[in-house]
Amino acid sequence: MHTSKYWIEHFTANLLKKRIDWGIEPQVTSNEIDPILHSLQAWQLGETSEGRQLIAAAERYALKIIDPDYVGAIRLFIKEEQKHGNNLGMYLDRIGKPRIKKDWGDSLFRTVRHLNTSMESWTLAVIVVESTAQIFYQSLKDATGCKLLKQICTDILIDEAYHITFQTERLAAIFYSKTSFSKSWRIAFYKLFFYGTSLLVWFANKELFKAGGNTFKSYIKKMDHKYARTIKAITNPVNFEVKTIL
């Protein structure tokens, strides 16, 4: 497991990397944009969260485990997510499409986040959302011939791979601090939450997933793989590696 200082160094260095050429003119057709626009707008909104509840949970948790650097790592993680939202927003601006201020899916997740005070629940939720995000942004990348949008998606996919590692390592640490009985029911809860959230993401964004070449069956198959890898990393966190889809 990497230390919080390692993740601070990683996120700090990664924020300086420029993988997007904003000198490229966006070229997206109406046939491409129609099935993906709403989801693009919704995820742009979701990526702009200030993360106040997550930071508060991290502060309580860091105090408990005596690791103040963990809060710094979480703040940088949130900053990287906000970078994604800013880049998607700039793209929407460039193609003359509005940034939305409200979406039912985003509103639901924000409500859940406000009720969430546990670092364990926060970490699990982020892992699931980041896992669906890998399929989402790969689908978005595959749904368009626009070079600029593809670069934006590639940048996000690289970041998300590290985000999943960061969060999975933390959930593994939390999981291993529990009793054997607690571990047994947690695995069942993790699975229920993972697939329940995955289904919500599919139904909220199925047009974009389909535009990117996914069927419901292929989407669930990919989530099956991600779930199996996540549980393996949590219950046997040896040699957990970063993997990305590009």
Protein backbone atom coordinates (compact mmCIF):
# COMPACT_ATOMS: atom_id res chain seq x y z
CA MET A 1 0.00 0.00 0.00
CA HIS A 2 1.32 3.44 -0.92
CA THR A 3 1.62 6.14 1.73
CA SER A 4 -0.44 9.32 1.72
CA LYS A 5 2.76 11.25 1.00
CA TYR A 6 3.24 9.14 -2.14
CA TRP A 7 -0.24 10.06 -3.35
CA ILE A 8 0.32 13.74 -2.60
CA GLU A 9 3.45 13.61 -4.74
CA HIS A 10 1.62 11.71 -7.51
CA PHE A 11 -1.37 14.03 -7.67
CA THR A 12 0.83 17.13 -7.48
CA ALA A 13 2.99 15.96 -10.39
CA ASN A 14 0.03 14.71 -12.42
CA LEU A 15 -1.79 18.04 -12.21
CA LEU A 16 1.13 19.61 -14.07
CA LYS A 17 0.91 17.21 -17.01
CA LYS A 18 -0.65 18.59 -20.19
CA ARG A 19 -2.22 15.89 -22.34
CA ILE A 20 -4.77 18.05 -24.17
CA ASP A 21 -4.00 20.30 -27.13
CA TRP A 22 -6.55 23.09 -26.79
CA GLY A 23 -5.34 24.53 -30.08
CA ILE A 24 -7.31 21.80 -31.85
CA GLU A 25 -10.70 22.88 -33.16
CA PRO A 26 -13.50 20.58 -31.96
CA GLN A 27 -15.05 18.64 -34.80
CA VAL A 28 -18.12 16.73 -33.75
CA THR A 29 -21.11 15.97 -35.95
CA SER A 30 -24.74 16.32 -34.98
CA ASN A 31 -25.15 12.55 -35.33
CA GLU A 32 -22.34 12.08 -32.80
CA ILE A 33 -23.40 14.72 -30.32
CA ASP A 34 -27.13 13.92 -30.13
CA PRO A 35 -26.88 10.62 -28.17
CA ILE A 36 -24.02 11.75 -25.94
CA LEU A 37 -24.82 15.38 -25.12
CA HIS A 38 -27.03 14.92 -22.07
CA SER A 39 -24.63 12.47 -20.42
CA LEU A 40 -21.67 14.71 -21.27
CA GLN A 41 -23.43 17.64 -19.60
CA ALA A 42 -24.46 15.55 -16.58
CA TRP A 43 -20.97 14.19 -15.96
CA GLN A 44 -19.46 17.64 -16.43
CA LEU A 45 -21.74 18.82 -13.63
CA GLY A 46 -20.87 15.83 -11.45
CA GLU A 47 -17.13 16.33 -11.85
CA THR A 48 -17.32 19.88 -10.46
CA SER A 49 -18.25 18.96 -6.87
CA GLU A 50 -16.34 20.84 -4.17
CA GLY A 51 -16.18 17.66 -2.09
CA ARG A 52 -16.83 19.31 1.27
CA GLN A 53 -18.45 16.21 2.79
CA LEU A 54 -15.63 13.98 1.54
CA ILE A 55 -13.01 16.32 3.01
CA ALA A 56 -14.86 16.37 6.34
CA ALA A 57 -14.99 12.57 6.41
CA ALA A 58 -11.29 12.41 5.50
CA GLU A 59 -10.39 14.83 8.30
CA ARG A 60 -12.19 12.69 10.89
CA TYR A 61 -10.63 9.52 9.53
CA ALA A 62 -7.11 11.01 9.30
CA LEU A 63 -7.34 12.13 12.92
CA LYS A 64 -8.37 8.62 13.95
CA ILE A 65 -5.49 6.88 12.16
CA ILE A 66 -3.00 9.72 12.83
CA ASP A 67 -2.27 10.41 9.15
CA PRO A 68 -2.74 14.14 8.43
CA ASP A 69 -1.25 13.72 4.95
CA TYR A 70 -4.32 11.72 3.95
CA VAL A 71 -6.43 14.88 3.97
CA GLY A 72 -3.94 16.54 1.63
CA ALA A 73 -4.14 13.55 -0.72
CA ILE A 74 -7.95 13.71 -0.73
CA ARG A 75 -7.90 17.44 -1.48
CA LEU A 76 -5.63 16.84 -4.47
CA PHE A 77 -7.82 13.94 -5.62
CA ILE A 78 -10.83 16.27 -5.60
CA LYS A 79 -8.83 18.92 -7.45
CA GLU A 80 -8.07 16.39 -10.17
CA GLU A 81 -11.76 15.53 -10.50
CA GLN A 82 -12.54 19.23 -10.78
CA LYS A 83 -9.96 19.46 -13.57
CA HIS A 84 -12.02 16.88 -15.46
CA GLY A 85 -15.16 18.97 -14.96
CA ASN A 86 -13.39 22.11 -16.13
CA ASN A 87 -12.09 20.39 -19.26
CA LEU A 88 -15.51 18.96 -20.13
CA GLY A 89 -17.03 22.38 -19.50
CA MET A 90 -14.50 24.05 -21.81
CA TYR A 91 -15.38 21.51 -24.47
CA LEU A 92 -19.09 22.22 -24.13
CA ASP A 93 -18.32 25.93 -24.44
CA ARG A 94 -16.24 25.32 -27.55
CA ILE A 95 -19.05 23.44 -29.31
CA GLY A 96 -21.69 25.96 -28.24
CA LYS A 97 -23.60 23.67 -25.89
CA PRO A 98 -24.74 24.78 -22.41
CA ARG A 99 -23.42 23.59 -19.09
CA ILE A 100 -26.37 22.35 -17.07
CA LYS A 101 -26.94 23.21 -13.42
CA LYS A 102 -29.14 20.29 -12.43
CA ASP A 103 -29.49 16.60 -13.30
CA TRP A 104 -31.49 13.91 -11.51
CA GLY A 105 -28.55 11.50 -11.32
CA ASP A 106 -26.21 14.15 -9.97
CA SER A 107 -28.87 15.33 -7.50
CA LEU A 108 -29.33 11.76 -6.24
CA PHE A 109 -25.61 11.23 -5.70
CA ARG A 110 -25.25 14.61 -4.00
CA THR A 111 -28.09 13.73 -1.62
CA VAL A 112 -26.43 10.42 -0.76
CA ARG A 113 -23.11 12.19 -0.26
CA HIS A 114 -24.67 14.66 2.20
CA LEU A 115 -25.98 11.75 4.27
CA ASN A 116 -22.65 9.95 4.18
CA THR A 117 -20.21 10.44 7.06
CA SER A 118 -18.23 7.18 6.92
CA MET A 119 -14.85 7.08 5.17
CA GLU A 120 -15.52 3.45 4.31
CA SER A 121 -18.81 4.27 2.56
CA TRP A 122 -17.25 7.26 0.82
CA THR A 123 -14.37 5.17 -0.47
CA LEU A 124 -16.64 2.39 -1.69
CA ALA A 125 -18.89 4.87 -3.48
CA VAL A 126 -15.95 6.54 -5.21
CA ILE A 127 -14.55 3.18 -6.35
CA VAL A 128 -17.87 2.21 -7.95
CA VAL A 129 -18.37 5.57 -9.65
CA GLU A 130 -14.76 5.63 -10.89
CA SER A 131 -15.20 2.09 -12.24
CA THR A 132 -18.28 3.09 -14.21
CA ALA A 133 -16.42 6.24 -15.29
CA GLN A 134 -13.76 4.15 -17.00
CA ILE A 135 -16.44 2.55 -19.19
CA PHE A 136 -18.23 5.89 -19.61
CA TYR A 137 -15.21 7.82 -20.87
CA GLN A 138 -14.01 4.96 -23.05
CA SER A 139 -17.50 4.85 -24.58
CA LEU A 140 -17.45 8.62 -25.06
CA LYS A 141 -14.05 8.36 -26.71
CA ASP A 142 -15.26 5.59 -29.02
CA ALA A 143 -18.48 7.44 -29.88
CA THR A 144 -16.77 10.35 -31.59
CA GLY A 145 -14.18 11.14 -34.22
CA CYS A 146 -13.41 14.49 -32.58
CA LYS A 147 -9.69 14.53 -31.76
CA LEU A 148 -10.07 17.12 -29.00
CA LEU A 149 -12.79 15.16 -27.21
CA LYS A 150 -10.74 11.98 -27.54
CA GLN A 151 -7.78 13.70 -25.88
CA ILE A 152 -9.99 14.90 -23.03
CA CYS A 153 -11.27 11.35 -22.52
CA THR A 154 -7.75 9.88 -22.62
CA ASP A 155 -6.58 12.35 -19.98
CA ILE A 156 -9.49 11.41 -17.72
CA LEU A 157 -8.98 7.67 -18.25
CA ILE A 158 -5.34 7.92 -17.21
CA ASP A 159 -6.33 9.81 -14.06
CA GLU A 160 -9.18 7.45 -13.19
CA ALA A 161 -6.92 4.40 -13.18
CA TYR A 162 -4.82 5.96 -10.43
CA HIS A 163 -7.93 7.15 -8.61
CA ILE A 164 -9.21 3.59 -8.38
CA THR A 165 -5.86 2.39 -7.04
CA PHE A 166 -5.78 5.22 -4.48
CA GLN A 167 -9.28 4.45 -3.22
CA THR A 168 -8.98 0.67 -3.39
CA GLU A 169 -5.83 0.72 -1.28
CA ARG A 170 -7.68 2.76 1.33
CA LEU A 171 -10.72 0.48 1.35
CA ALA A 172 -8.41 -2.52 1.75
CA ALA A 173 -6.84 -0.88 4.82
CA ILE A 174 -10.26 -0.16 6.31
CA PHE A 175 -11.51 -3.67 5.50
CA TYR A 176 -8.53 -5.32 7.18
CA SER A 177 -9.14 -3.37 10.38
CA LYS A 178 -12.50 -5.12 10.83
CA THR A 179 -13.33 -8.36 12.62
CA SER A 180 -13.92 -11.59 10.70
CA PHE A 181 -17.68 -11.29 11.19
CA SER A 182 -17.68 -7.69 9.98
CA LYS A 183 -15.66 -8.67 6.92
CA SER A 184 -18.16 -11.37 5.94
CA TRP A 185 -21.22 -9.12 5.81
CA ARG A 186 -19.25 -6.25 4.31
CA ILE A 187 -18.41 -8.26 1.20
CA ALA A 188 -22.12 -8.89 0.63
CA PHE A 189 -22.88 -5.19 1.13
CA TYR A 190 -20.06 -4.14 -1.19
CA LYS A 191 -21.47 -6.37 -3.94
CA LEU A 192 -25.02 -5.08 -3.50
CA PHE A 193 -23.86 -1.45 -3.56
CA PHE A 194 -21.51 -2.01 -6.50
CA TYR A 195 -24.14 -3.53 -8.78
CA GLY A 196 -26.98 -1.29 -7.60
CA THR A 197 -24.95 1.80 -8.44
CA SER A 198 -23.77 0.27 -11.72
CA LEU A 199 -27.37 -0.25 -12.82
CA LEU A 200 -28.27 3.37 -12.01
CA VAL A 201 -25.34 4.61 -14.06
CA TRP A 202 -26.34 2.43 -17.03
CA PHE A 203 -29.95 3.60 -17.10
CA ALA A 204 -28.92 7.24 -16.70
CA ASN A 205 -26.39 7.04 -19.56
CA LYS A 206 -27.45 4.11 -21.75
CA GLU A 207 -27.61 6.19 -24.94
CA LEU A 208 -23.99 7.23 -24.56
CA PHE A 209 -22.88 3.71 -23.65
CA LYS A 210 -24.66 2.37 -26.74
CA ALA A 211 -23.14 5.09 -28.93
CA GLY A 212 -19.74 3.90 -27.71
CA GLY A 213 -20.46 0.31 -28.75
CA ASN A 214 -21.75 -1.15 -25.48
CA THR A 215 -24.83 -3.22 -24.89
CA PHE A 216 -26.28 -3.78 -21.44
CA LYS A 217 -24.76 -7.26 -21.50
CA SER A 218 -21.27 -6.02 -22.39
CA TYR A 219 -21.51 -3.24 -19.81
CA ILE A 220 -22.39 -5.68 -17.03
CA LYS A 221 -19.63 -8.03 -18.18
CA LYS A 222 -17.11 -5.20 -17.84
CA MET A 223 -18.48 -4.30 -14.42
CA ASP A 224 -18.25 -7.97 -13.40
CA HIS A 225 -14.54 -7.84 -14.22
CA LYS A 226 -14.09 -4.60 -12.29
CA TYR A 227 -15.96 -5.94 -9.28
CA ALA A 228 -13.90 -9.14 -9.21
CA ARG A 229 -10.68 -7.14 -9.43
CA THR A 230 -11.83 -4.73 -6.72
CA ILE A 231 -12.80 -7.48 -4.27
CA LYS A 232 -9.54 -9.32 -4.92
CA ALA A 233 -7.57 -6.14 -4.26
CA ILE A 234 -9.48 -5.44 -1.05
CA THR A 235 -9.28 -8.95 0.38
CA ASN A 236 -5.80 -9.75 -0.97
CA PRO A 237 -4.11 -6.38 -1.59
CA VAL A 238 -0.74 -7.75 -2.71
CA ASN A 239 0.76 -6.38 -5.92
CA PHE A 240 -2.27 -4.27 -6.79
CA GLU A 241 -1.42 -2.49 -10.03
CA VAL A 242 -2.76 0.50 -11.89
CA LYS A 243 -4.59 -0.46 -15.07
CA THR A 244 -6.21 1.89 -17.51
CA ILE A 245 -8.29 1.63 -20.67
CA LEU A 246 -6.97 3.70 -23.55
